[in-house]
């Protein structure tokens, strides 16, 4: 759950599709999807390289959890799309909860933009640091297990003699 791109500067509170549109129009460094890769978008954005759900089919996860399983390929796609989209929404939720200043913005737009970029960067840094710490812990545990196994094997060899 990391941010891969941040765009700031949209006026007021705007829909996701509008932010994407602004970013594509106004940021020359906007990372378009590479060949055979896609960005997950809502139903408003239907362009090559962007995956939108099928209209006219069930979409939200609760509809699948309570109701019947997907009835066709479009509903199955929508179910997976909704599941992935919930990960994106959860990332924003974690970010906003961790950085409460995001809900109490100062009035100055420049300061708001700096806060958004800074907290998103810190969010990624913390997440990546946690991943690295987990990897180090696992390596230590494996090393410890290996060392204990060697000791046990040495004991077995001594017992044989």
Protein backbone atom coordinates (compact mmCIF):
# COMPACT_ATOMS: atom_id res chain seq x y z
CA UNK A 1 0.00 0.00 0.00
CA UNK A 2 2.27 2.71 -1.34
CA UNK A 3 1.71 5.88 -3.31
CA UNK A 4 3.29 5.77 -6.75
CA UNK A 5 2.26 9.23 -7.93
CA UNK A 6 0.93 12.34 -6.21
CA UNK A 7 -0.75 15.25 -7.98
CA UNK A 8 -1.66 18.36 -6.03
CA UNK A 9 -3.23 21.58 -7.14
CA UNK A 10 -6.81 20.74 -8.09
CA UNK A 11 -9.17 23.47 -6.98
CA UNK A 12 -11.33 22.41 -4.04
CA UNK A 13 -12.67 18.92 -3.56
CA UNK A 14 -12.91 17.09 -6.88
CA UNK A 15 -13.77 13.61 -8.15
CA UNK A 16 -10.99 11.05 -8.78
CA UNK A 17 -11.55 11.20 -12.53
CA UNK A 18 -11.14 14.98 -12.49
CA UNK A 19 -7.86 14.72 -10.58
CA UNK A 20 -6.61 12.17 -13.11
CA UNK A 21 -7.69 14.40 -15.97
CA UNK A 22 -5.93 17.42 -14.41
CA UNK A 23 -2.77 15.39 -13.86
CA UNK A 24 -2.72 14.11 -17.42
CA UNK A 25 -3.30 17.59 -18.85
CA UNK A 26 -1.04 19.64 -16.59
CA UNK A 27 1.84 17.40 -15.56
CA UNK A 28 4.26 16.63 -18.38
CA UNK A 29 5.89 13.99 -16.16
CA UNK A 30 2.63 12.11 -15.56
CA UNK A 31 3.54 8.41 -15.77
CA UNK A 32 1.27 6.89 -18.40
CA UNK A 33 0.76 3.15 -18.13
CA UNK A 34 3.54 1.21 -19.87
CA UNK A 35 2.57 -1.29 -22.58
CA UNK A 36 0.62 -4.27 -21.20
CA UNK A 37 0.14 -2.48 -17.85
CA UNK A 38 -3.00 -0.71 -16.67
CA UNK A 39 -4.22 1.84 -14.16
CA UNK A 40 -7.32 0.98 -12.20
CA UNK A 41 -9.95 3.71 -12.60
CA UNK A 42 -13.62 4.22 -11.92
CA UNK A 43 -16.28 3.95 -14.59
CA UNK A 44 -15.89 7.56 -15.74
CA UNK A 45 -12.47 7.00 -17.33
CA UNK A 46 -12.62 4.67 -20.34
CA UNK A 47 -9.33 5.03 -22.18
CA UNK A 48 -6.64 2.66 -23.41
CA UNK A 49 -4.35 1.66 -20.54
CA UNK A 50 -7.02 2.29 -17.91
CA UNK A 51 -9.19 -0.47 -16.46
CA UNK A 52 -12.72 0.61 -15.62
CA UNK A 53 -15.53 -1.62 -14.35
CA UNK A 54 -18.34 -2.75 -16.61
CA UNK A 55 -21.43 -0.58 -16.35
CA UNK A 56 -24.78 -2.21 -15.74
CA UNK A 57 -23.29 -5.07 -13.72
CA UNK A 58 -22.92 -5.55 -9.98
CA UNK A 59 -19.80 -3.87 -8.69
CA UNK A 60 -19.48 -3.28 -4.95
CA UNK A 61 -18.05 -6.06 -2.78
CA UNK A 62 -21.04 -6.29 -0.39
CA UNK A 63 -23.25 -7.24 -3.36
CA UNK A 64 -21.08 -10.31 -3.90
CA UNK A 65 -20.64 -11.16 -0.23
CA UNK A 66 -24.37 -11.24 0.51
CA UNK A 67 -25.80 -12.09 -2.90
CA UNK A 68 -25.09 -14.79 -5.42
CA UNK A 69 -21.65 -15.32 -6.94
CA UNK A 70 -20.74 -13.48 -10.15
CA UNK A 71 -23.09 -14.51 -12.95
CA UNK A 72 -20.84 -13.76 -15.91
CA UNK A 73 -17.34 -12.62 -16.87
CA UNK A 74 -18.23 -8.93 -16.54
CA UNK A 75 -19.45 -9.38 -12.96
CA UNK A 76 -16.39 -11.45 -12.12
CA UNK A 77 -14.19 -8.68 -13.52
CA UNK A 78 -16.15 -6.09 -11.52
CA UNK A 79 -15.73 -8.13 -8.35
CA UNK A 80 -11.94 -8.21 -8.75
CA UNK A 81 -11.89 -4.55 -9.80
CA UNK A 82 -13.85 -3.60 -6.67
CA UNK A 83 -11.53 -5.67 -4.51
CA UNK A 84 -8.45 -3.92 -5.90
CA UNK A 85 -10.11 -0.54 -5.61
CA UNK A 86 -10.78 -1.18 -1.93
CA UNK A 87 -7.01 -1.59 -1.44
CA UNK A 88 -6.51 1.85 -2.96
CA UNK A 89 -9.21 3.35 -0.75
CA UNK A 90 -7.72 1.63 2.29
CA UNK A 91 -4.32 3.16 1.48
CA UNK A 92 -5.87 6.62 1.53
CA UNK A 93 -7.67 5.78 4.76
CA UNK A 94 -4.46 4.64 6.47
CA UNK A 95 -2.69 7.76 5.22
CA UNK A 96 -5.41 10.13 6.45
CA UNK A 97 -5.65 8.40 9.82
CA UNK A 98 -1.90 8.50 10.37
CA UNK A 99 -1.61 12.17 9.37
CA UNK A 100 -4.50 13.94 11.05
CA UNK A 101 -3.26 17.28 9.74
CA UNK A 102 -4.77 16.21 6.40
CA UNK A 103 -8.24 16.78 7.84
CA UNK A 104 -7.34 20.13 9.41
CA UNK A 105 -5.70 21.99 6.57
CA UNK A 106 -4.39 25.51 6.89
CA UNK A 107 -5.96 28.00 4.47
CA UNK A 108 -2.85 28.48 2.34
CA UNK A 109 -2.89 26.30 -0.79
CA UNK A 110 0.90 26.14 -1.10
CA UNK A 111 1.14 24.85 2.47
CA UNK A 112 -1.60 22.30 1.76
CA UNK A 113 0.28 21.01 -1.28
CA UNK A 114 3.50 20.66 0.72
CA UNK A 115 1.68 18.80 3.50
CA UNK A 116 0.11 16.36 1.03
CA UNK A 117 3.40 15.62 -0.73
CA UNK A 118 5.37 15.38 2.52
CA UNK A 119 2.95 13.08 4.29
CA UNK A 120 2.62 10.81 1.24
CA UNK A 121 6.40 10.54 1.06
CA UNK A 122 6.64 9.83 4.78
CA UNK A 123 3.86 7.23 4.45
CA UNK A 124 5.87 5.40 1.78
CA UNK A 125 9.09 5.69 3.77
CA UNK A 126 7.47 4.22 6.87
CA UNK A 127 5.81 1.40 4.92
CA UNK A 128 9.05 0.49 3.14
CA UNK A 129 10.98 0.65 6.40
CA UNK A 130 8.48 -1.71 8.02
CA UNK A 131 8.87 -4.13 5.12
CA UNK A 132 12.66 -4.02 5.43
CA UNK A 133 12.45 -4.59 9.18
CA UNK A 134 10.18 -7.60 8.63
CA UNK A 135 12.60 -9.04 6.09
CA UNK A 136 15.52 -8.55 8.50
CA UNK A 137 13.57 -10.19 11.31
CA UNK A 138 12.77 -13.17 9.09
CA UNK A 139 16.41 -13.48 8.06
CA UNK A 140 17.48 -13.39 11.71
CA UNK A 141 14.94 -16.06 12.56
CA UNK A 142 16.13 -18.25 9.69
CA UNK A 143 19.75 -17.75 10.70
CA UNK A 144 18.92 -18.62 14.31
CA UNK A 145 17.02 -21.71 13.16
CA UNK A 146 19.93 -22.74 10.96
CA UNK A 147 22.43 -22.25 13.81
CA UNK A 148 20.25 -24.28 16.16
CA UNK A 149 20.01 -27.02 13.55
CA UNK A 150 23.79 -27.10 13.22
CA UNK A 151 24.20 -27.40 16.96
CA UNK A 152 21.73 -30.24 16.99
CA UNK A 153 23.57 -31.99 14.16
CA UNK A 154 26.87 -31.60 16.04
CA UNK A 155 25.26 -33.17 19.10
CA UNK A 156 24.01 -36.05 16.98
CA UNK A 157 27.49 -36.61 15.56
CA UNK A 158 28.97 -36.63 19.07
CA UNK A 159 26.35 -39.10 20.21
CA UNK A 160 27.27 -41.44 17.37
CA UNK A 161 30.90 -41.57 18.52
